[in-house]
Every structure is written in C-alpha cells, then in structure tokens.
Amino acid sequence: MNNSTEPLRPTMASHPLPPSTCDICGQNRATRKHQLCSRIRQLRWADQWAAYQAEVAAKKAQERRRYAR
C-alpha cells in the first residue's frame, strides 16, 4: 500500500467555479438578463463564423476523395 500523505484522487468540488463574465456588459452571464447580450454576441460572431465555415468547406473541397466511385 502507498503510505504517502497525498490523496489518491483529487477532490472534485474543492473550489467554486469562477463566474463567467459577460464580455458585453461585464456582469455574470448565469442570469436571464443576458438574452440581449447573447443576441449582440451572435451578431458579432456571425461574420467570423461564416468565414470559418467557408474555409472549412474550401479545404474539404480541395481534398482528394479516397474512395470516389
């Protein structure tokens, strides 16, 4: 047996999770008051997400199909 003083497994809930702070208003995002912030965030990220999806589609189109019939 192992007689060391450290536990076998770390404790799961030893520290509370830090609150996720809203990048728009700066308050905690775990409330219902952040529906407008979520909409603003989605609008901000929509262009970047579309560009990312276009890059993925272009990369997929460039790949050679391995088992083409």
PDB file of N, CA and C in Angstrom:
ATOM      1  N   MET A   1       0.825  -1.183   0.000  1.00  0.00           N
ATOM      2  CA  MET A   1       0.000   0.000   0.000  1.00  0.00           C
ATOM      3  C   MET A   1       0.866   1.242   0.000  1.00  0.00           C
ATOM      4  N   ASN A   2       0.311   2.317  -0.505  1.00  0.00           N
ATOM      5  CA  ASN A   2       1.004   3.597  -0.572  1.00  0.00           C
ATOM      6  C   ASN A   2       0.709   4.376   0.703  1.00  0.00           C
ATOM      7  N   ASN A   3       1.731   4.706   1.468  1.00  0.00           N
ATOM      8  CA  ASN A   3       1.554   5.413   2.733  1.00  0.00           C
ATOM      9  C   ASN A   3       1.850   6.897   2.609  1.00  0.00           C
ATOM     10  N   SER A   4       1.768   7.462   1.429  1.00  0.00           N
ATOM     11  CA  SER A   4       2.036   8.892   1.278  1.00  0.00           C
ATOM     12  C   SER A   4       0.863   9.704   1.810  1.00  0.00           C
ATOM     13  N   THR A   5       1.123  10.960   2.070  1.00  0.00           N
ATOM     14  CA  THR A   5       0.086  11.810   2.649  1.00  0.00           C
ATOM     15  C   THR A   5      -0.840  12.416   1.598  1.00  0.00           C
ATOM     16  N   GLU A   6      -0.498  12.334   0.314  1.00  0.00           N
ATOM     17  CA  GLU A   6      -1.371  12.915  -0.711  1.00  0.00           C
ATOM     18  C   GLU A   6      -2.504  11.947  -1.028  1.00  0.00           C
ATOM     19  N   PRO A   7      -3.693  12.450  -1.288  1.00  0.00           N
ATOM     20  CA  PRO A   7      -4.834  11.572  -1.546  1.00  0.00           C
ATOM     21  C   PRO A   7      -4.685  10.858  -2.898  1.00  0.00           C
ATOM     22  N   LEU A   8      -5.406   9.764  -3.040  1.00  0.00           N
ATOM     23  CA  LEU A   8      -5.359   9.003  -4.283  1.00  0.00           C
ATOM     24  C   LEU A   8      -6.005   9.761  -5.434  1.00  0.00           C
ATOM     25  N   ARG A   9      -7.115  10.407  -5.150  1.00  0.00           N
ATOM     26  CA  ARG A   9      -7.811  11.180  -6.173  1.00  0.00           C
ATOM     27  C   ARG A   9      -8.008  12.614  -5.689  1.00  0.00           C
ATOM     28  N   PRO A  10      -7.949  13.573  -6.599  1.00  0.00           N
ATOM     29  CA  PRO A  10      -8.207  14.955  -6.168  1.00  0.00           C
ATOM     30  C   PRO A  10      -9.689  15.146  -5.850  1.00  0.00           C
ATOM     31  N   THR A  11      -9.949  16.077  -4.967  1.00  0.00           N
ATOM     32  CA  THR A  11     -11.348  16.359  -4.635  1.00  0.00           C
ATOM     33  C   THR A  11     -12.015  17.039  -5.813  1.00  0.00           C
ATOM     34  N   MET A  12     -13.269  16.750  -6.016  1.00  0.00           N
ATOM     35  CA  MET A  12     -13.980  17.237  -7.185  1.00  0.00           C
ATOM     36  C   MET A  12     -14.434  18.691  -7.012  1.00  0.00           C
ATOM     37  N   ALA A  13     -15.002  19.009  -5.869  1.00  0.00           N
ATOM     38  CA  ALA A  13     -15.598  20.331  -5.693  1.00  0.00           C
ATOM     39  C   ALA A  13     -14.903  21.094  -4.580  1.00  0.00           C
ATOM     40  N   SER A  14     -13.598  21.192  -4.660  1.00  0.00           N
ATOM     41  CA  SER A  14     -12.879  21.876  -3.594  1.00  0.00           C
ATOM     42  C   SER A  14     -12.986  23.387  -3.721  1.00  0.00           C
ATOM     43  N   HIS A  15     -13.116  23.901  -4.955  1.00  0.00           N
ATOM     44  CA  HIS A  15     -13.225  25.334  -5.164  1.00  0.00           C
ATOM     45  C   HIS A  15     -14.426  25.609  -6.059  1.00  0.00           C
ATOM     46  N   PRO A  16     -15.157  26.684  -5.787  1.00  0.00           N
ATOM     47  CA  PRO A  16     -16.277  27.014  -6.674  1.00  0.00           C
ATOM     48  C   PRO A  16     -15.758  27.503  -8.023  1.00  0.00           C
ATOM     49  N   LEU A  17     -16.548  27.294  -9.045  1.00  0.00           N
ATOM     50  CA  LEU A  17     -16.173  27.765 -10.366  1.00  0.00           C
ATOM     51  C   LEU A  17     -16.250  29.283 -10.424  1.00  0.00           C
ATOM     52  N   PRO A  18     -15.347  29.926 -11.127  1.00  0.00           N
ATOM     53  CA  PRO A  18     -15.448  31.378 -11.254  1.00  0.00           C
ATOM     54  C   PRO A  18     -16.643  31.730 -12.137  1.00  0.00           C
ATOM     55  N   PRO A  19     -17.327  32.807 -11.841  1.00  0.00           N
ATOM     56  CA  PRO A  19     -18.475  33.171 -12.671  1.00  0.00           C
ATOM     57  C   PRO A  19     -18.017  33.584 -14.060  1.00  0.00           C
ATOM     58  N   SER A  20     -18.761  33.158 -15.063  1.00  0.00           N
ATOM     59  CA  SER A  20     -18.410  33.562 -16.420  1.00  0.00           C
ATOM     60  C   SER A  20     -18.912  34.985 -16.625  1.00  0.00           C
ATOM     61  N   THR A  21     -18.005  35.851 -16.904  1.00  0.00           N
ATOM     62  CA  THR A  21     -18.317  37.266 -17.026  1.00  0.00           C
ATOM     63  C   THR A  21     -18.699  37.585 -18.462  1.00  0.00           C
ATOM     64  N   CYS A  22     -19.733  38.351 -18.627  1.00  0.00           N
ATOM     65  CA  CYS A  22     -20.200  38.755 -19.943  1.00  0.00           C
ATOM     66  C   CYS A  22     -19.199  39.728 -20.548  1.00  0.00           C
ATOM     67  N   ASP A  23     -18.833  39.500 -21.815  1.00  0.00           N
ATOM     68  CA  ASP A  23     -17.872  40.380 -22.458  1.00  0.00           C
ATOM     69  C   ASP A  23     -18.518  41.674 -22.946  1.00  0.00           C
ATOM     70  N   ILE A  24     -19.830  41.750 -22.887  1.00  0.00           N
ATOM     71  CA  ILE A  24     -20.533  42.953 -23.354  1.00  0.00           C
ATOM     72  C   ILE A  24     -20.852  43.883 -22.192  1.00  0.00           C
ATOM     73  N   CYS A  25     -21.510  43.351 -21.154  1.00  0.00           N
ATOM     74  CA  CYS A  25     -21.896  44.222 -20.037  1.00  0.00           C
ATOM     75  C   CYS A  25     -21.007  44.049 -18.813  1.00  0.00           C
ATOM     76  N   GLY A  26     -20.190  42.979 -18.742  1.00  0.00           N
ATOM     77  CA  GLY A  26     -19.270  42.795 -17.639  1.00  0.00           C
ATOM     78  C   GLY A  26     -19.856  42.143 -16.410  1.00  0.00           C
ATOM     79  N   GLN A  27     -21.114  41.703 -16.454  1.00  0.00           N
ATOM     80  CA  GLN A  27     -21.718  41.060 -15.297  1.00  0.00           C
ATOM     81  C   GLN A  27     -21.762  39.553 -15.511  1.00  0.00           C
ATOM     82  N   ASN A  28     -22.242  38.831 -14.510  1.00  0.00           N
ATOM     83  CA  ASN A  28     -22.316  37.383 -14.562  1.00  0.00           C
ATOM     84  C   ASN A  28     -23.292  36.945 -15.648  1.00  0.00           C
ATOM     85  N   ARG A  29     -22.901  35.955 -16.460  1.00  0.00           N
ATOM     86  CA  ARG A  29     -23.740  35.520 -17.570  1.00  0.00           C
ATOM     87  C   ARG A  29     -24.782  34.488 -17.170  1.00  0.00           C
ATOM     88  N   ALA A  30     -24.791  34.047 -15.933  1.00  0.00           N
ATOM     89  CA  ALA A  30     -25.701  32.992 -15.492  1.00  0.00           C
ATOM     90  C   ALA A  30     -27.054  33.543 -15.052  1.00  0.00           C
ATOM     91  N   THR A  31     -27.477  34.621 -15.621  1.00  0.00           N
ATOM     92  CA  THR A  31     -28.790  35.169 -15.301  1.00  0.00           C
ATOM     93  C   THR A  31     -29.601  35.273 -16.575  1.00  0.00           C
ATOM     94  N   ARG A  32     -30.885  35.459 -16.434  1.00  0.00           N
ATOM     95  CA  ARG A  32     -31.761  35.558 -17.606  1.00  0.00           C
ATOM     96  C   ARG A  32     -31.695  36.928 -18.271  1.00  0.00           C
ATOM     97  N   LYS A  33     -31.013  37.859 -17.651  1.00  0.00           N
ATOM     98  CA  LYS A  33     -30.959  39.219 -18.173  1.00  0.00           C
ATOM     99  C   LYS A  33     -30.009  39.358 -19.358  1.00  0.00           C
ATOM    100  N   HIS A  34     -29.364  38.281 -19.747  1.00  0.00           N
ATOM    101  CA  HIS A  34     -28.352  38.373 -20.787  1.00  0.00           C
ATOM    102  C   HIS A  34     -28.821  37.852 -22.138  1.00  0.00           C
ATOM    103  N   GLN A  35     -30.122  37.850 -22.373  1.00  0.00           N
ATOM    104  CA  GLN A  35     -30.620  37.449 -23.685  1.00  0.00           C
ATOM    105  C   GLN A  35     -30.207  38.470 -24.737  1.00  0.00           C
ATOM    106  N   LEU A  36     -30.284  39.736 -24.417  1.00  0.00           N
ATOM    107  CA  LEU A  36     -29.876  40.779 -25.368  1.00  0.00           C
ATOM    108  C   LEU A  36     -28.372  40.703 -25.625  1.00  0.00           C
ATOM    109  N   CYS A  37     -27.600  40.460 -24.578  1.00  0.00           N
ATOM    110  CA  CYS A  37     -26.153  40.316 -24.752  1.00  0.00           C
ATOM    111  C   CYS A  37     -25.850  39.125 -25.663  1.00  0.00           C
ATOM    112  N   SER A  38     -26.588  38.034 -25.504  1.00  0.00           N
ATOM    113  CA  SER A  38     -26.364  36.862 -26.342  1.00  0.00           C
ATOM    114  C   SER A  38     -26.661  37.178 -27.793  1.00  0.00           C
ATOM    115  N   ARG A  39     -27.717  37.923 -28.038  1.00  0.00           N
ATOM    116  CA  ARG A  39     -28.041  38.302 -29.422  1.00  0.00           C
ATOM    117  C   ARG A  39     -26.952  39.188 -30.017  1.00  0.00           C
ATOM    118  N   ILE A  40     -26.468  40.131 -29.233  1.00  0.00           N
ATOM    119  CA  ILE A  40     -25.388  41.006 -29.705  1.00  0.00           C
ATOM    120  C   ILE A  40     -24.143  40.183 -29.998  1.00  0.00           C
ATOM    121  N   ARG A  41     -23.826  39.238 -29.123  1.00  0.00           N
ATOM    122  CA  ARG A  41     -22.653  38.389 -29.311  1.00  0.00           C
ATOM    123  C   ARG A  41     -22.797  37.537 -30.573  1.00  0.00           C
ATOM    124  N   GLN A  42     -23.973  36.984 -30.804  1.00  0.00           N
ATOM    125  CA  GLN A  42     -24.205  36.185 -32.010  1.00  0.00           C
ATOM    126  C   GLN A  42     -24.045  37.023 -33.263  1.00  0.00           C
ATOM    127  N   LEU A  43     -24.524  38.251 -33.226  1.00  0.00           N
ATOM    128  CA  LEU A  43     -24.367  39.118 -34.391  1.00  0.00           C
ATOM    129  C   LEU A  43     -22.899  39.455 -34.626  1.00  0.00           C
ATOM    130  N   ARG A  44     -22.146  39.645 -33.556  1.00  0.00           N
ATOM    131  CA  ARG A  44     -20.716  39.952 -33.692  1.00  0.00           C
ATOM    132  C   ARG A  44     -19.958  38.779 -34.309  1.00  0.00           C
ATOM    133  N   TRP A  45     -20.292  37.575 -33.866  1.00  0.00           N
ATOM    134  CA  TRP A  45     -19.555  36.398 -34.299  1.00  0.00           C
ATOM    135  C   TRP A  45     -20.074  35.810 -35.599  1.00  0.00           C
ATOM    136  N   ALA A  46     -21.192  36.277 -36.115  1.00  0.00           N
ATOM    137  CA  ALA A  46     -21.789  35.676 -37.305  1.00  0.00           C
ATOM    138  C   ALA A  46     -20.854  35.770 -38.505  1.00  0.00           C
ATOM    139  N   ASP A  47     -20.231  36.911 -38.725  1.00  0.00           N
ATOM    140  CA  ASP A  47     -19.332  37.072 -39.869  1.00  0.00           C
ATOM    141  C   ASP A  47     -18.096  36.190 -39.722  1.00  0.00           C
ATOM    142  N   GLN A  48     -17.532  36.147 -38.532  1.00  0.00           N
ATOM    143  CA  GLN A  48     -16.343  35.321 -38.313  1.00  0.00           C
ATOM    144  C   GLN A  48     -16.680  33.836 -38.464  1.00  0.00           C
ATOM    145  N   TRP A  49     -17.855  33.442 -37.986  1.00  0.00           N
ATOM    146  CA  TRP A  49     -18.261  32.050 -38.090  1.00  0.00           C
ATOM    147  C   TRP A  49     -18.509  31.672 -39.547  1.00  0.00           C
ATOM    148  N   ALA A  50     -19.110  32.567 -40.319  1.00  0.00           N
ATOM    149  CA  ALA A  50     -19.336  32.304 -41.738  1.00  0.00           C
ATOM    150  C   ALA A  50     -18.013  32.169 -42.486  1.00  0.00           C
ATOM    151  N   ALA A  51     -17.040  33.010 -42.155  1.00  0.00           N
ATOM    152  CA  ALA A  51     -15.727  32.918 -42.790  1.00  0.00           C
ATOM    153  C   ALA A  51     -15.051  31.597 -42.430  1.00  0.00           C
ATOM    154  N   TYR A  52     -15.177  31.174 -41.188  1.00  0.00           N
ATOM    155  CA  TYR A  52     -14.590  29.902 -40.770  1.00  0.00           C
ATOM    156  C   TYR A  52     -15.242  28.740 -41.507  1.00  0.00           C
ATOM    157  N   GLN A  53     -16.571  28.766 -41.623  1.00  0.00           N
ATOM    158  CA  GLN A  53     -17.282  27.703 -42.325  1.00  0.00           C
ATOM    159  C   GLN A  53     -16.879  27.664 -43.798  1.00  0.00           C
ATOM    160  N   ALA A  54     -16.661  28.833 -44.408  1.00  0.00           N
ATOM    161  CA  ALA A  54     -16.227  28.880 -45.803  1.00  0.00           C
ATOM    162  C   ALA A  54     -14.829  28.277 -45.951  1.00  0.00           C
ATOM    163  N   GLU A  55     -13.938  28.550 -45.007  1.00  0.00           N
ATOM    164  CA  GLU A  55     -12.595  27.965 -45.042  1.00  0.00           C
ATOM    165  C   GLU A  55     -12.660  26.447 -44.925  1.00  0.00           C
ATOM    166  N   VAL A  56     -13.501  25.953 -44.037  1.00  0.00           N
ATOM    167  CA  VAL A  56     -13.634  24.506 -43.853  1.00  0.00           C
ATOM    168  C   VAL A  56     -14.187  23.863 -45.122  1.00  0.00           C
ATOM    169  N   ALA A  57     -15.194  24.492 -45.741  1.00  0.00           N
ATOM    170  CA  ALA A  57     -15.781  23.955 -46.962  1.00  0.00           C
ATOM    171  C   ALA A  57     -14.762  23.966 -48.103  1.00  0.00           C
ATOM    172  N   ALA A  58     -13.951  25.020 -48.202  1.00  0.00           N
ATOM    173  CA  ALA A  58     -12.939  25.095 -49.252  1.00  0.00           C
ATOM    174  C   ALA A  58     -11.864  24.028 -49.045  1.00  0.00           C
ATOM    175  N   LYS A  59     -11.467  23.826 -47.810  1.00  0.00           N
ATOM    176  CA  LYS A  59     -10.466  22.804 -47.519  1.00  0.00           C
ATOM    177  C   LYS A  59     -11.011  21.413 -47.824  1.00  0.00           C
ATOM    178  N   LYS A  60     -12.268  21.183 -47.497  1.00  0.00           N
ATOM    179  CA  LYS A  60     -12.878  19.893 -47.774  1.00  0.00           C
ATOM    180  C   LYS A  60     -13.012  19.665 -49.275  1.00  0.00           C
ATOM    181  N   ALA A  61     -13.298  20.718 -50.040  1.00  0.00           N
ATOM    182  CA  ALA A  61     -13.428  20.596 -51.487  1.00  0.00           C
ATOM    183  C   ALA A  61     -12.076  20.319 -52.144  1.00  0.00           C
ATOM    184  N   GLN A  62     -10.982  20.788 -51.547  1.00  0.00           N
ATOM    185  CA  GLN A  62      -9.660  20.579 -52.108  1.00  0.00           C
ATOM    186  C   GLN A  62      -9.131  19.171 -51.874  1.00  0.00           C
ATOM    187  N   GLU A  63      -9.617  18.515 -50.838  1.00  0.00           N
ATOM    188  CA  GLU A  63      -9.108  17.190 -50.524  1.00  0.00           C
ATOM    189  C   GLU A  63      -9.501  16.187 -51.599  1.00  0.00           C
ATOM    190  N   ARG A  64      -8.578  15.294 -51.877  1.00  0.00           N
ATOM    191  CA  ARG A  64      -8.842  14.255 -52.853  1.00  0.00           C
ATOM    192  C   ARG A  64      -9.720  13.183 -52.213  1.00  0.00           C
ATOM    193  N   ARG A  65     -10.725  12.770 -52.916  1.00  0.00           N
ATOM    194  CA  ARG A  65     -11.605  11.743 -52.380  1.00  0.00           C
ATOM    195  C   ARG A  65     -10.920  10.399 -52.492  1.00  0.00           C
ATOM    196  N   ARG A  66     -10.872   9.700 -51.414  1.00  0.00           N
ATOM    197  CA  ARG A  66     -10.134   8.454 -51.365  1.00  0.00           C
ATOM    198  C   ARG A  66     -10.875   7.312 -52.050  1.00  0.00           C
ATOM    199  N   TYR A  67     -12.156   7.213 -51.834  1.00  0.00           N
ATOM    200  CA  TYR A  67     -12.935   6.108 -52.373  1.00  0.00           C
ATOM    201  C   TYR A  67     -14.013   6.613 -53.311  1.00  0.00           C
ATOM    202  N   ALA A  68     -13.650   7.465 -54.244  1.00  0.00           N
ATOM    203  CA  ALA A  68     -14.611   8.005 -55.196  1.00  0.00           C
ATOM    204  C   ALA A  68     -15.054   6.901 -56.152  1.00  0.00           C
ATOM    205  N   ARG A  69     -16.307   6.898 -56.512  1.00  0.00           N
ATOM    206  CA  ARG A  69     -16.814   5.871 -57.430  1.00  0.00           C
ATOM    207  C   ARG A  69     -17.088   6.465 -58.777  1.00  0.00           C
TER     208      ARG A  69
END
